[in-house]
Amino acid sequence: MPTDPQMPELDALFAAARELSADDWGAPERFLRGHRARAAQARRRQAGWLSALLASAAVVAGLSVLRPASPDLPSSAAYEAYQGALGDGW
């Protein structure tokens, strides 16, 4: 097998990659801290949309309760409207 002049450098590089450093030991904690922060931000954003939706529903319900009631027509008025439109004996 021919010898490559870069082979000792690659061996040293691979050996260093296999050794754990202080940054490697702290990586899971940094990942979990960032993940928890992103999850909390997503929950706050979702709660904001939910509260806006509930507020909109409350406004619509309040407006429907406060609007003036339409006068009810007697049933004879409906009968007269049908008779006028379709003729007698419909």
PDB file of N, CA and C in Angstrom:
ATOM      1  N   MET A   1       0.837  -1.153   0.000  1.00  0.00           N
ATOM      2  CA  MET A   1       0.000   0.000   0.000  1.00  0.00           C
ATOM      3  C   MET A   1       0.903   1.243   0.000  1.00  0.00           C
ATOM      4  N   PRO A   2       0.625   2.204  -0.899  1.00  0.00           N
ATOM      5  CA  PRO A   2       1.488   3.381  -0.933  1.00  0.00           C
ATOM      6  C   PRO A   2       1.243   4.260   0.281  1.00  0.00           C
ATOM      7  N   THR A   3       2.270   4.913   0.729  1.00  0.00           N
ATOM      8  CA  THR A   3       2.144   5.783   1.895  1.00  0.00           C
ATOM      9  C   THR A   3       1.764   7.184   1.439  1.00  0.00           C
ATOM     10  N   ASP A   4       0.860   7.755   2.150  1.00  0.00           N
ATOM     11  CA  ASP A   4       0.380   9.103   1.851  1.00  0.00           C
ATOM     12  C   ASP A   4       1.029  10.056   2.852  1.00  0.00           C
ATOM     13  N   PRO A   5       1.582  11.184   2.393  1.00  0.00           N
ATOM     14  CA  PRO A   5       2.231  12.085   3.350  1.00  0.00           C
ATOM     15  C   PRO A   5       1.243  12.737   4.324  1.00  0.00           C
ATOM     16  N   GLN A   6      -0.037  12.760   3.986  1.00  0.00           N
ATOM     17  CA  GLN A   6      -1.026  13.383   4.877  1.00  0.00           C
ATOM     18  C   GLN A   6      -1.617  12.392   5.876  1.00  0.00           C
ATOM     19  N   MET A   7      -1.258  11.129   5.789  1.00  0.00           N
ATOM     20  CA  MET A   7      -1.835  10.102   6.643  1.00  0.00           C
ATOM     21  C   MET A   7      -1.620  10.380   8.126  1.00  0.00           C
ATOM     22  N   PRO A   8      -0.458  10.760   8.606  1.00  0.00           N
ATOM     23  CA  PRO A   8      -0.315  11.044  10.052  1.00  0.00           C
ATOM     24  C   PRO A   8      -1.193  12.214  10.495  1.00  0.00           C
ATOM     25  N   GLU A   9      -1.382  13.205   9.631  1.00  0.00           N
ATOM     26  CA  GLU A   9      -2.232  14.325   9.990  1.00  0.00           C
ATOM     27  C   GLU A   9      -3.698  13.886  10.120  1.00  0.00           C
ATOM     28  N   LEU A  10      -4.116  13.024   9.189  1.00  0.00           N
ATOM     29  CA  LEU A  10      -5.493  12.515   9.261  1.00  0.00           C
ATOM     30  C   LEU A  10      -5.690  11.654  10.494  1.00  0.00           C
ATOM     31  N   ASP A  11      -4.694  10.823  10.814  1.00  0.00           N
ATOM     32  CA  ASP A  11      -4.798   9.994  12.020  1.00  0.00           C
ATOM     33  C   ASP A  11      -4.911  10.864  13.263  1.00  0.00           C
ATOM     34  N   ALA A  12      -4.139  11.933  13.320  1.00  0.00           N
ATOM     35  CA  ALA A  12      -4.208  12.832  14.480  1.00  0.00           C
ATOM     36  C   ALA A  12      -5.560  13.540  14.528  1.00  0.00           C
ATOM     37  N   LEU A  13      -6.070  13.918  13.363  1.00  0.00           N
ATOM     38  CA  LEU A  13      -7.374  14.576  13.305  1.00  0.00           C
ATOM     39  C   LEU A  13      -8.478  13.645  13.784  1.00  0.00           C
ATOM     40  N   PHE A  14      -8.467  12.393  13.317  1.00  0.00           N
ATOM     41  CA  PHE A  14      -9.485  11.428  13.749  1.00  0.00           C
ATOM     42  C   PHE A  14      -9.359  11.107  15.230  1.00  0.00           C
ATOM     43  N   ALA A  15      -8.153  11.029  15.744  1.00  0.00           N
ATOM     44  CA  ALA A  15      -7.953  10.766  17.172  1.00  0.00           C
ATOM     45  C   ALA A  15      -8.500  11.927  17.998  1.00  0.00           C
ATOM     46  N   ALA A  16      -8.298  13.150  17.537  1.00  0.00           N
ATOM     47  CA  ALA A  16      -8.811  14.311  18.271  1.00  0.00           C
ATOM     48  C   ALA A  16     -10.337  14.358  18.201  1.00  0.00           C
ATOM     49  N   ALA A  17     -10.906  13.914  17.099  1.00  0.00           N
ATOM     50  CA  ALA A  17     -12.365  13.915  16.968  1.00  0.00           C
ATOM     51  C   ALA A  17     -13.007  12.902  17.899  1.00  0.00           C
ATOM     52  N   ARG A  18     -12.303  11.832  18.220  1.00  0.00           N
ATOM     53  CA  ARG A  18     -12.864  10.814  19.102  1.00  0.00           C
ATOM     54  C   ARG A  18     -12.806  11.224  20.571  1.00  0.00           C
ATOM     55  N   GLU A  19     -11.914  12.159  20.924  1.00  0.00           N
ATOM     56  CA  GLU A  19     -11.781  12.591  22.318  1.00  0.00           C
ATOM     57  C   GLU A  19     -12.840  13.648  22.620  1.00  0.00           C
ATOM     58  N   LEU A  20     -13.537  13.483  23.738  1.00  0.00           N
ATOM     59  CA  LEU A  20     -14.559  14.445  24.148  1.00  0.00           C
ATOM     60  C   LEU A  20     -13.910  15.639  24.833  1.00  0.00           C
ATOM     61  N   SER A  21     -14.395  16.822  24.479  1.00  0.00           N
ATOM     62  CA  SER A  21     -13.876  18.040  25.096  1.00  0.00           C
ATOM     63  C   SER A  21     -14.944  18.615  26.035  1.00  0.00           C
ATOM     64  N   ALA A  22     -14.611  19.732  26.676  1.00  0.00           N
ATOM     65  CA  ALA A  22     -15.577  20.382  27.581  1.00  0.00           C
ATOM     66  C   ALA A  22     -16.787  20.873  26.795  1.00  0.00           C
ATOM     67  N   ASP A  23     -16.589  21.327  25.561  1.00  0.00           N
ATOM     68  CA  ASP A  23     -17.718  21.757  24.725  1.00  0.00           C
ATOM     69  C   ASP A  23     -18.653  20.594  24.421  1.00  0.00           C
ATOM     70  N   ASP A  24     -18.088  19.400  24.238  1.00  0.00           N
ATOM     71  CA  ASP A  24     -18.925  18.234  23.958  1.00  0.00           C
ATOM     72  C   ASP A  24     -19.786  17.865  25.160  1.00  0.00           C
ATOM     73  N   TRP A  25     -19.252  18.014  26.364  1.00  0.00           N
ATOM     74  CA  TRP A  25     -20.016  17.667  27.551  1.00  0.00           C
ATOM     75  C   TRP A  25     -21.142  18.667  27.796  1.00  0.00           C
ATOM     76  N   GLY A  26     -20.979  19.906  27.389  1.00  0.00           N
ATOM     77  CA  GLY A  26     -22.005  20.916  27.606  1.00  0.00           C
ATOM     78  C   GLY A  26     -23.026  21.011  26.486  1.00  0.00           C
ATOM     79  N   ALA A  27     -22.799  20.308  25.390  1.00  0.00           N
ATOM     80  CA  ALA A  27     -23.696  20.406  24.228  1.00  0.00           C
ATOM     81  C   ALA A  27     -25.130  19.976  24.542  1.00  0.00           C
ATOM     82  N   PRO A  28     -25.358  18.866  25.243  1.00  0.00           N
ATOM     83  CA  PRO A  28     -26.758  18.493  25.524  1.00  0.00           C
ATOM     84  C   PRO A  28     -27.500  19.546  26.350  1.00  0.00           C
ATOM     85  N   GLU A  29     -26.800  20.134  27.318  1.00  0.00           N
ATOM     86  CA  GLU A  29     -27.443  21.162  28.143  1.00  0.00           C
ATOM     87  C   GLU A  29     -27.787  22.392  27.304  1.00  0.00           C
ATOM     88  N   ARG A  30     -26.880  22.801  26.415  1.00  0.00           N
ATOM     89  CA  ARG A  30     -27.159  23.959  25.561  1.00  0.00           C
ATOM     90  C   ARG A  30     -28.324  23.665  24.626  1.00  0.00           C
ATOM     91  N   PHE A  31     -28.363  22.447  24.076  1.00  0.00           N
ATOM     92  CA  PHE A  31     -29.461  22.087  23.180  1.00  0.00           C
ATOM     93  C   PHE A  31     -30.796  22.103  23.924  1.00  0.00           C
ATOM     94  N   LEU A  32     -30.832  21.472  25.103  1.00  0.00           N
ATOM     95  CA  LEU A  32     -32.088  21.415  25.863  1.00  0.00           C
ATOM     96  C   LEU A  32     -32.533  22.801  26.320  1.00  0.00           C
ATOM     97  N   ARG A  33     -31.598  23.670  26.694  1.00  0.00           N
ATOM     98  CA  ARG A  33     -31.950  25.023  27.106  1.00  0.00           C
ATOM     99  C   ARG A  33     -32.577  25.780  25.932  1.00  0.00           C
ATOM    100  N   GLY A  34     -32.001  25.669  24.742  1.00  0.00           N
ATOM    101  CA  GLY A  34     -32.569  26.319  23.567  1.00  0.00           C
ATOM    102  C   GLY A  34     -33.906  25.720  23.166  1.00  0.00           C
ATOM    103  N   HIS A  35     -34.009  24.395  23.270  1.00  0.00           N
ATOM    104  CA  HIS A  35     -35.265  23.719  22.916  1.00  0.00           C
ATOM    105  C   HIS A  35     -36.392  24.149  23.856  1.00  0.00           C
ATOM    106  N   ARG A  36     -36.101  24.223  25.133  1.00  0.00           N
ATOM    107  CA  ARG A  36     -37.127  24.640  26.097  1.00  0.00           C
ATOM    108  C   ARG A  36     -37.539  26.091  25.864  1.00  0.00           C
ATOM    109  N   ALA A  37     -36.583  26.940  25.517  1.00  0.00           N
ATOM    110  CA  ALA A  37     -36.909  28.350  25.257  1.00  0.00           C
ATOM    111  C   ALA A  37     -37.798  28.467  24.015  1.00  0.00           C
ATOM    112  N   ARG A  38     -37.490  27.705  22.964  1.00  0.00           N
ATOM    113  CA  ARG A  38     -38.325  27.744  21.754  1.00  0.00           C
ATOM    114  C   ARG A  38     -39.713  27.189  22.029  1.00  0.00           C
ATOM    115  N   ALA A  39     -39.809  26.138  22.829  1.00  0.00           N
ATOM    116  CA  ALA A  39     -41.117  25.560  23.157  1.00  0.00           C
ATOM    117  C   ALA A  39     -41.953  26.537  23.988  1.00  0.00           C
ATOM    118  N   ALA A  40     -41.322  27.229  24.925  1.00  0.00           N
ATOM    119  CA  ALA A  40     -42.054  28.215  25.745  1.00  0.00           C
ATOM    120  C   ALA A  40     -42.529  29.370  24.879  1.00  0.00           C
ATOM    121  N   GLN A  41     -41.709  29.803  23.944  1.00  0.00           N
ATOM    122  CA  GLN A  41     -42.108  30.892  23.053  1.00  0.00           C
ATOM    123  C   GLN A  41     -43.279  30.458  22.177  1.00  0.00           C
ATOM    124  N   ALA A  42     -43.268  29.220  21.701  1.00  0.00           N
ATOM    125  CA  ALA A  42     -44.376  28.721  20.881  1.00  0.00           C
ATOM    126  C   ALA A  42     -45.666  28.653  21.698  1.00  0.00           C
ATOM    127  N   ARG A  43     -45.570  28.255  22.968  1.00  0.00           N
ATOM    128  CA  ARG A  43     -46.767  28.198  23.824  1.00  0.00           C
ATOM    129  C   ARG A  43     -47.328  29.596  24.058  1.00  0.00           C
ATOM    130  N   ARG A  44     -46.444  30.580  24.280  1.00  0.00           N
ATOM    131  CA  ARG A  44     -46.914  31.949  24.484  1.00  0.00           C
ATOM    132  C   ARG A  44     -47.588  32.487  23.225  1.00  0.00           C
ATOM    133  N   ARG A  45     -47.018  32.172  22.068  1.00  0.00           N
ATOM    134  CA  ARG A  45     -47.604  32.639  20.816  1.00  0.00           C
ATOM    135  C   ARG A  45     -48.963  31.974  20.597  1.00  0.00           C
ATOM    136  N   GLN A  46     -49.081  30.693  20.907  1.00  0.00           N
ATOM    137  CA  GLN A  46     -50.354  29.986  20.748  1.00  0.00           C
ATOM    138  C   GLN A  46     -51.391  30.539  21.727  1.00  0.00           C
ATOM    139  N   ALA A  47     -50.985  30.852  22.939  1.00  0.00           N
ATOM    140  CA  ALA A  47     -51.913  31.414  23.922  1.00  0.00           C
ATOM    141  C   ALA A  47     -52.390  32.788  23.465  1.00  0.00           C
ATOM    142  N   GLY A  48     -51.538  33.539  22.801  1.00  0.00           N
ATOM    143  CA  GLY A  48     -51.940  34.848  22.295  1.00  0.00           C
ATOM    144  C   GLY A  48     -53.026  34.731  21.250  1.00  0.00           C
ATOM    145  N   TRP A  49     -52.881  33.784  20.338  1.00  0.00           N
ATOM    146  CA  TRP A  49     -53.912  33.581  19.313  1.00  0.00           C
ATOM    147  C   TRP A  49     -55.212  33.110  19.949  1.00  0.00           C
ATOM    148  N   LEU A  50     -55.116  32.243  20.930  1.00  0.00           N
ATOM    149  CA  LEU A  50     -56.313  31.734  21.581  1.00  0.00           C
ATOM    150  C   LEU A  50     -57.052  32.854  22.308  1.00  0.00           C
ATOM    151  N   SER A  51     -56.315  33.704  22.995  1.00  0.00           N
ATOM    152  CA  SER A  51     -56.984  34.797  23.706  1.00  0.00           C
ATOM    153  C   SER A  51     -57.604  35.791  22.721  1.00  0.00           C
ATOM    154  N   ALA A  52     -56.955  36.040  21.592  1.00  0.00           N
ATOM    155  CA  ALA A  52     -57.535  36.938  20.582  1.00  0.00           C
ATOM    156  C   ALA A  52     -58.803  36.328  19.988  1.00  0.00           C
ATOM    157  N   LEU A  53     -58.794  35.033  19.777  1.00  0.00           N
ATOM    158  CA  LEU A  53     -59.977  34.360  19.245  1.00  0.00           C
ATOM    159  C   LEU A  53     -61.135  34.415  20.238  1.00  0.00           C
ATOM    160  N   LEU A  54     -60.853  34.182  21.505  1.00  0.00           N
ATOM    161  CA  LEU A  54     -61.900  34.244  22.523  1.00  0.00           C
ATOM    162  C   LEU A  54     -62.438  35.669  22.676  1.00  0.00           C
ATOM    163  N   ALA A  55     -61.563  36.659  22.577  1.00  0.00           N
ATOM    164  CA  ALA A  55     -62.014  38.050  22.674  1.00  0.00           C
ATOM    165  C   ALA A  55     -62.919  38.395  21.495  1.00  0.00           C
ATOM    166  N   SER A  56     -62.570  37.924  20.302  1.00  0.00           N
ATOM    167  CA  SER A  56     -63.409  38.177  19.129  1.00  0.00           C
ATOM    168  C   SER A  56     -64.771  37.513  19.282  1.00  0.00           C
ATOM    169  N   ALA A  57     -64.779  36.290  19.797  1.00  0.00           N
ATOM    170  CA  ALA A  57     -66.047  35.591  20.004  1.00  0.00           C
ATOM    171  C   ALA A  57     -66.908  36.338  21.031  1.00  0.00           C
ATOM    172  N   ALA A  58     -66.284  36.881  22.053  1.00  0.00           N
ATOM    173  CA  ALA A  58     -67.037  37.627  23.061  1.00  0.00           C
ATOM    174  C   ALA A  58     -67.638  38.904  22.468  1.00  0.00           C
ATOM    175  N   VAL A  59     -66.900  39.563  21.597  1.00  0.00           N
ATOM    176  CA  VAL A  59     -67.427  40.775  20.961  1.00  0.00           C
ATOM    177  C   VAL A  59     -68.623  40.441  20.085  1.00  0.00           C
ATOM    178  N   VAL A  60     -68.501  39.379  19.289  1.00  0.00           N
ATOM    179  CA  VAL A  60     -69.610  38.978  18.416  1.00  0.00           C
ATOM    180  C   VAL A  60     -70.828  38.585  19.247  1.00  0.00           C
ATOM    181  N   ALA A  61     -70.623  37.832  20.313  1.00  0.00           N
ATOM    182  CA  ALA A  61     -71.744  37.438  21.170  1.00  0.00           C
ATOM    183  C   ALA A  61     -72.379  38.656  21.834  1.00  0.00           C
ATOM    184  N   GLY A  62     -71.568  39.599  22.275  1.00  0.00           N
ATOM    185  CA  GLY A  62     -72.102  40.803  22.900  1.00  0.00           C
ATOM    186  C   GLY A  62     -72.904  41.643  21.924  1.00  0.00           C
ATOM    187  N   LEU A  63     -72.415  41.764  20.691  1.00  0.00           N
ATOM    188  CA  LEU A  63     -73.153  42.536  19.694  1.00  0.00           C
ATOM    189  C   LEU A  63     -74.467  41.865  19.321  1.00  0.00           C
ATOM    190  N   SER A  64     -74.474  40.536  19.277  1.00  0.00           N
ATOM    191  CA  SER A  64     -75.723  39.850  18.927  1.00  0.00           C
ATOM    192  C   SER A  64     -76.754  39.960  20.053  1.00  0.00           C
ATOM    193  N   VAL A  65     -76.314  40.071  21.287  1.00  0.00           N
ATOM    194  CA  VAL A  65     -77.252  40.208  22.406  1.00  0.00           C
ATOM    195  C   VAL A  65     -77.781  41.634  22.492  1.00  0.00           C
ATOM    196  N   LEU A  66     -76.940  42.609  22.184  1.00  0.00           N
ATOM    197  CA  LEU A  66     -77.321  44.011  22.351  1.00  0.00           C
ATOM    198  C   LEU A  66     -78.095  44.589  21.172  1.00  0.00           C
ATOM    199  N   ARG A  67     -78.123  43.914  20.047  1.00  0.00           N
ATOM    200  CA  ARG A  67     -78.838  44.468  18.891  1.00  0.00           C
ATOM    201  C   ARG A  67     -80.333  44.439  19.163  1.00  0.00           C
ATOM    202  N   PRO A  68     -81.065  45.391  18.602  1.00  0.00           N
ATOM    203  CA  PRO A  68     -82.509  45.414  18.863  1.00  0.00           C
ATOM    204  C   PRO A  68     -83.187  44.216  18.198  1.00  0.00           C
ATOM    205  N   ALA A  69     -84.201  43.722  18.882  1.00  0.00           N
ATOM    206  CA  ALA A  69     -84.929  42.567  18.360  1.00  0.00           C
ATOM    207  C   ALA A  69     -85.829  43.004  17.210  1.00  0.00           C
ATOM    208  N   SER A  70     -85.903  42.167  16.194  1.00  0.00           N
ATOM    209  CA  SER A  70     -86.792  42.486  15.076  1.00  0.00           C
ATOM    210  C   SER A  70     -88.226  42.141  15.476  1.00  0.00           C
ATOM    211  N   PRO A  71     -89.165  42.921  15.046  1.00  0.00           N
ATOM    212  CA  PRO A  71     -90.553  42.633  15.436  1.00  0.00           C
ATOM    213  C   PRO A  71     -91.031  41.340  14.772  1.00  0.00           C
ATOM    214  N   ASP A  72     -91.691  40.530  15.556  1.00  0.00           N
ATOM    215  CA  ASP A  72     -92.229  39.277  15.021  1.00  0.00           C
ATOM    216  C   ASP A  72     -93.505  39.564  14.243  1.00  0.00           C
ATOM    217  N   LEU A  73     -93.614  38.978  13.085  1.00  0.00           N
ATOM    218  CA  LEU A  73     -94.830  39.126  12.283  1.00  0.00           C
ATOM    219  C   LEU A  73     -95.848  38.083  12.705  1.00  0.00           C
ATOM    220  N   PRO A  74     -97.076  38.422  12.742  1.00  0.00           N
ATOM    221  CA  PRO A  74     -98.085  37.408  13.064  1.00  0.00           C
ATOM    222  C   PRO A  74     -98.164  36.385  11.927  1.00  0.00           C
ATOM    223  N   SER A  75     -98.627  35.221  12.270  1.00  0.00           N
ATOM    224  CA  SER A  75     -98.688  34.156  11.266  1.00  0.00           C
ATOM    225  C   SER A  75     -99.641  34.499  10.136  1.00  0.00           C
ATOM    226  N   SER A  76    -100.620  35.333  10.395  1.00  0.00           N
ATOM    227  CA  SER A  76    -101.549  35.702   9.328  1.00  0.00           C
ATOM    228  C   SER A  76    -100.849  36.557   8.273  1.00  0.00           C
ATOM    229  N   ALA A  77     -99.839  37.326   8.670  1.00  0.00           N
ATOM    230  CA  ALA A  77     -99.088  38.124   7.713  1.00  0.00           C
ATOM    231  C   ALA A  77     -98.296  37.218   6.775  1.00  0.00           C
ATOM    232  N   ALA A  78     -97.742  36.136   7.314  1.00  0.00           N
ATOM    233  CA  ALA A  78     -97.021  35.195   6.467  1.00  0.00           C
ATOM    234  C   ALA A  78     -97.990  34.513   5.498  1.00  0.00           C
ATOM    235  N   TYR A  79     -99.172  34.191   5.974  1.00  0.00           N
ATOM    236  CA  TYR A  79    -100.173  33.550   5.125  1.00  0.00           C
ATOM    237  C   TYR A  79    -100.599  34.498   4.002  1.00  0.00           C
ATOM    238  N   GLU A  80    -100.765  35.755   4.331  1.00  0.00           N
ATOM    239  CA  GLU A  80    -101.139  36.737   3.314  1.00  0.00           C
ATOM    240  C   GLU A  80    -100.030  36.920   2.282  1.00  0.00           C
ATOM    241  N   ALA A  81     -98.777  36.847   2.726  1.00  0.00           N
ATOM    242  CA  ALA A  81     -97.661  36.975   1.782  1.00  0.00           C
ATOM    243  C   ALA A  81     -97.645  35.803   0.814  1.00  0.00           C
ATOM    244  N   TYR A  82     -97.887  34.588   1.309  1.00  0.00           N
ATOM    245  CA  TYR A  82     -97.936  33.422   0.420  1.00  0.00           C
ATOM    246  C   TYR A  82     -99.110  33.539  -0.559  1.00  0.00           C
ATOM    247  N   GLN A  83    -100.237  33.963  -0.059  1.00  0.00           N
ATOM    248  CA  GLN A  83    -101.417  34.100  -0.928  1.00  0.00           C
ATOM    249  C   GLN A  83    -101.179  35.139  -2.013  1.00  0.00           C
ATOM    250  N   GLY A  84    -100.512  36.240  -1.643  1.00  0.00           N
ATOM    251  CA  GLY A  84    -100.244  37.282  -2.616  1.00  0.00           C
ATOM    252  C   GLY A  84     -99.269  36.814  -3.680  1.00  0.00           C
ATOM    253  N   ALA A  85     -98.315  35.984  -3.297  1.00  0.00           N
ATOM    254  CA  ALA A  85     -97.297  35.544  -4.229  1.00  0.00           C
ATOM    255  C   ALA A  85     -97.759  34.374  -5.086  1.00  0.00           C
ATOM    256  N   LEU A  86     -98.476  33.433  -4.509  1.00  0.00           N
ATOM    257  CA  LEU A  86     -98.842  32.223  -5.227  1.00  0.00           C
ATOM    258  C   LEU A  86    -100.315  32.168  -5.625  1.00  0.00           C
ATOM    259  N   GLY A  87    -101.087  33.042  -5.119  1.00  0.00           N
ATOM    260  CA  GLY A  87    -102.509  33.018  -5.450  1.00  0.00           C
ATOM    261  C   GLY A  87    -103.283  32.186  -4.454  1.00  0.00           C
ATOM    262  N   ASP A  88    -104.610  32.161  -4.607  1.00  0.00           N
ATOM    263  CA  ASP A  88    -105.444  31.401  -3.690  1.00  0.00           C
ATOM    264  C   ASP A  88    -105.281  29.915  -3.933  1.00  0.00           C
ATOM    265  N   GLY A  89    -105.392  29.148  -2.843  1.00  0.00           N
ATOM    266  CA  GLY A  89    -105.368  27.688  -2.931  1.00  0.00           C
ATOM    267  C   GLY A  89    -103.969  27.111  -3.176  1.00  0.00           C
ATOM    268  N   TRP A  90    -102.994  27.711  -2.709  1.00  0.00           N
ATOM    269  CA  TRP A  90    -101.640  27.207  -2.921  1.00  0.00           C
ATOM    270  C   TRP A  90    -101.452  25.974  -2.116  1.00  0.00           C
TER     271      TRP A  90
END
